[in-house]
Protein backbone atom coordinates (compact mmCIF):
# COMPACT_ATOMS: atom_id res chain seq x y z
CA MET A 1 -31.73 -58.67 -16.05
CA ALA A 2 -31.58 -58.34 -12.25
CA ASP A 3 -27.83 -58.98 -12.38
CA MET A 4 -27.37 -56.10 -14.80
CA THR A 5 -29.21 -53.69 -12.55
CA ARG A 6 -27.12 -54.61 -9.56
CA GLY A 7 -23.91 -54.41 -11.57
CA SER A 8 -24.64 -50.88 -12.81
CA ALA A 9 -25.50 -49.60 -9.34
CA ALA A 10 -22.25 -50.78 -7.79
CA ALA A 11 -19.12 -48.66 -8.31
CA PRO A 12 -16.63 -50.28 -10.67
CA ALA A 13 -13.47 -51.46 -8.98
CA ARG A 14 -10.43 -49.27 -9.76
CA SER A 15 -7.74 -51.24 -11.48
CA ALA A 16 -4.13 -50.42 -12.27
CA PRO A 17 -3.64 -47.45 -14.63
CA THR A 18 -4.23 -48.42 -18.20
CA GLU A 19 -2.31 -47.27 -21.23
CA ILE A 20 -5.02 -44.73 -22.01
CA ASP A 21 -4.64 -43.15 -18.54
CA LEU A 22 -0.86 -42.98 -18.94
CA GLU A 23 -1.23 -41.40 -22.39
CA ASN A 24 -3.51 -38.69 -20.93
CA LEU A 25 -1.09 -37.91 -18.10
CA PRO A 26 1.12 -35.51 -20.14
CA VAL A 27 -2.02 -33.79 -21.46
CA LEU A 28 -3.37 -33.41 -17.92
CA LEU A 29 -0.05 -32.13 -16.61
CA GLY A 30 0.14 -29.66 -19.51
CA ARG A 31 -3.39 -28.44 -18.77
CA LEU A 32 -2.51 -28.12 -15.07
CA GLY A 33 0.57 -26.07 -15.96
CA ASP A 34 -1.52 -23.82 -18.23
CA GLU A 35 -4.10 -23.28 -15.51
CA VAL A 36 -1.45 -22.50 -12.91
CA MET A 37 0.14 -19.97 -15.29
CA GLN A 38 -3.27 -18.41 -15.92
CA LEU A 39 -3.80 -18.18 -12.15
CA VAL A 40 -0.40 -16.55 -11.68
CA ASP A 41 -1.12 -14.10 -14.52
CA THR A 42 -4.45 -13.20 -12.93
CA LYS A 43 -2.81 -12.61 -9.56
CA ILE A 44 -0.09 -10.47 -11.11
CA ASN A 45 -2.72 -8.39 -12.91
CA LEU A 46 -4.59 -7.95 -9.61
CA LEU A 47 -1.35 -6.83 -7.97
CA LYS A 48 -0.69 -4.33 -10.78
CA VAL A 49 -4.17 -2.83 -10.46
CA GLU A 50 -3.85 -2.56 -6.70
CA VAL A 51 -0.42 -0.93 -6.89
CA LYS A 52 -1.70 1.55 -9.52
CA GLU A 53 -4.61 2.47 -7.27
CA GLU A 54 -2.29 3.02 -4.32
CA ALA A 55 0.18 5.05 -6.41
CA SER A 56 -2.63 7.18 -7.82
CA PHE A 57 -3.96 7.86 -4.34
CA PHE A 58 -0.56 8.84 -2.95
CA THR A 59 0.18 11.01 -6.02
CA ARG A 60 -3.08 12.96 -5.65
CA ILE A 61 -2.56 13.41 -1.92
CA GLY A 62 1.07 14.46 -2.48
CA ALA A 63 0.05 17.09 -5.03
CA MET A 64 -2.58 18.50 -2.69
CA ILE A 65 -0.12 18.54 0.21
CA GLY A 66 2.42 20.36 -1.96
CA THR A 67 -0.14 22.98 -3.04
CA GLY A 68 -1.28 23.48 0.52
CA ALA A 69 2.32 23.77 1.69
CA VAL A 70 3.11 26.56 -0.79
CA ILE A 71 0.03 28.54 0.22
CA ALA A 72 0.74 27.97 3.90
CA ALA A 73 4.37 29.03 3.45
CA ILE A 74 3.32 32.38 2.00
CA GLY A 75 0.89 32.97 4.85
CA PHE A 76 3.42 31.76 7.36
CA ALA A 77 6.02 34.22 6.09
CA LEU A 78 3.65 37.15 6.37
CA VAL A 79 2.44 36.19 9.84
CA ASN A 80 6.00 35.53 10.96
CA ILE A 81 7.08 39.03 9.96
CA ALA A 82 4.11 40.56 11.79
CA VAL A 83 4.75 38.51 14.94
CA ALA A 84 8.46 39.32 14.88
CA LEU A 85 7.72 43.05 14.60
CA PHE A 86 5.23 42.78 17.45
CA VAL A 87 7.74 40.91 19.65
CA SER A 88 10.35 43.57 18.88
CA LEU A 89 8.08 46.17 20.52
CA LEU A 90 8.45 44.34 23.86
CA PHE A 91 12.15 45.23 24.18
CA THR A 92 13.68 48.54 25.18
CA PHE A 93 17.01 48.19 23.40
CA SER A 94 17.93 50.04 20.26
CA GLN A 95 15.66 49.58 17.24
CA PRO A 96 17.95 47.12 15.33
CA VAL A 97 18.46 44.96 18.45
CA ASN A 98 14.71 44.94 19.11
CA TYR A 99 14.04 43.73 15.53
CA ALA A 100 16.75 41.09 15.75
CA LEU A 101 15.46 39.71 19.05
CA GLY A 102 11.88 39.71 17.73
CA PHE A 103 12.85 37.67 14.66
CA VAL A 104 15.10 35.27 16.59
CA ILE A 105 12.46 34.48 19.23
CA THR A 106 9.70 34.11 16.64
CA GLY A 107 11.87 31.88 14.46
CA ALA A 108 12.78 29.64 17.40
CA VAL A 109 9.12 29.19 18.36
CA TYR A 110 8.18 28.27 14.79
CA MET A 111 11.09 25.85 14.49
CA ILE A 112 9.93 24.02 17.63
CA ILE A 113 6.34 23.83 16.36
CA GLY A 114 7.51 22.70 12.92
CA GLY A 115 9.71 19.98 14.42
CA ILE A 116 6.80 18.62 16.42
CA VAL A 117 4.60 18.53 13.31
CA VAL A 118 7.30 16.80 11.23
CA VAL A 119 7.93 14.10 13.84
CA THR A 120 4.20 13.49 14.31
CA MET A 121 3.57 13.15 10.56
CA LYS A 122 6.61 10.91 10.11
CA ASN A 123 5.27 8.57 12.78
CA ARG A 124 1.88 8.46 11.05
CA LEU A 125 3.52 7.68 7.72
CA VAL A 126 5.58 4.89 9.27
CA SER A 127 2.40 3.28 10.63
CA GLN A 128 0.90 3.17 7.10
CA HIS A 129 1.26 -0.26 5.46
CA PRO A 130 2.04 0.21 1.75
CA ALA A 131 1.87 -3.53 0.95
CA PRO A 132 -1.06 -4.51 -1.29
CA GLU A 133 -3.10 -6.35 1.33
CA ARG A 134 -5.69 -7.93 -1.00
CA SER A 135 -3.08 -9.37 -3.34
CA VAL A 136 -1.02 -10.76 -0.48
CA GLU A 137 -4.12 -12.42 0.98
CA GLU A 138 -5.05 -13.90 -2.42
CA LEU A 139 -1.54 -15.27 -2.86
CA ARG A 140 -1.73 -16.88 0.59
CA LYS A 141 -5.04 -18.52 -0.33
CA ASP A 142 -3.60 -19.77 -3.62
CA LYS A 143 -0.55 -21.18 -1.87
CA GLN A 144 -2.78 -23.05 0.56
CA TRP A 145 -4.98 -24.28 -2.29
CA LEU A 146 -1.97 -25.55 -4.24
CA LYS A 147 -0.69 -27.36 -1.14
CA ASN A 148 -4.06 -29.05 -0.68
CA GLU A 149 -4.40 -30.00 -4.35
CA ILE A 150 -0.90 -31.32 -4.91
C-alpha cells in the first residue's frame, strides 16, 4: 500500500509518443488553425470598428468645417468690401483708381493671412497619425504571442 502512495505522488516518466498521441496530432493542429483564424477574425473586426470610428469622426468634423467655411466666406466677402471701400478713401486719385487700389491692397492682405492659415493647418494635419493605434498594438502583441507559443 505504501508503494502505491509513493508511485501516485511521483510524476510519471514521459515516454516516446504513442499511437494515440500521433492520432490526436491532426486534431490538435486543426483546432490550433481554427483558433488562429478566430483570433485573426477578431482582430480584423476590431480594426474595422476602429476605422469606422475614425472615419465617422473625420466626416463629422469635415461637415462642420465646411459649414463654418461657407458662413465665414459670406462674412469675409462683406467685410472685405467694407475694408476695400475704407482703404480707397485714403487715396487722392480719381474715384475708380481709389476703389481699385483699395480692393487690391485688401485682397493682398487677405491672401497673405489665408496662406499662413492654410500652411499652419496643413502642418497640423500632417502631424495627425491616421493609423489605428489600438489594432496595430494588438497585432504586435499577437505576433509576439505566436512567436512564444510556436
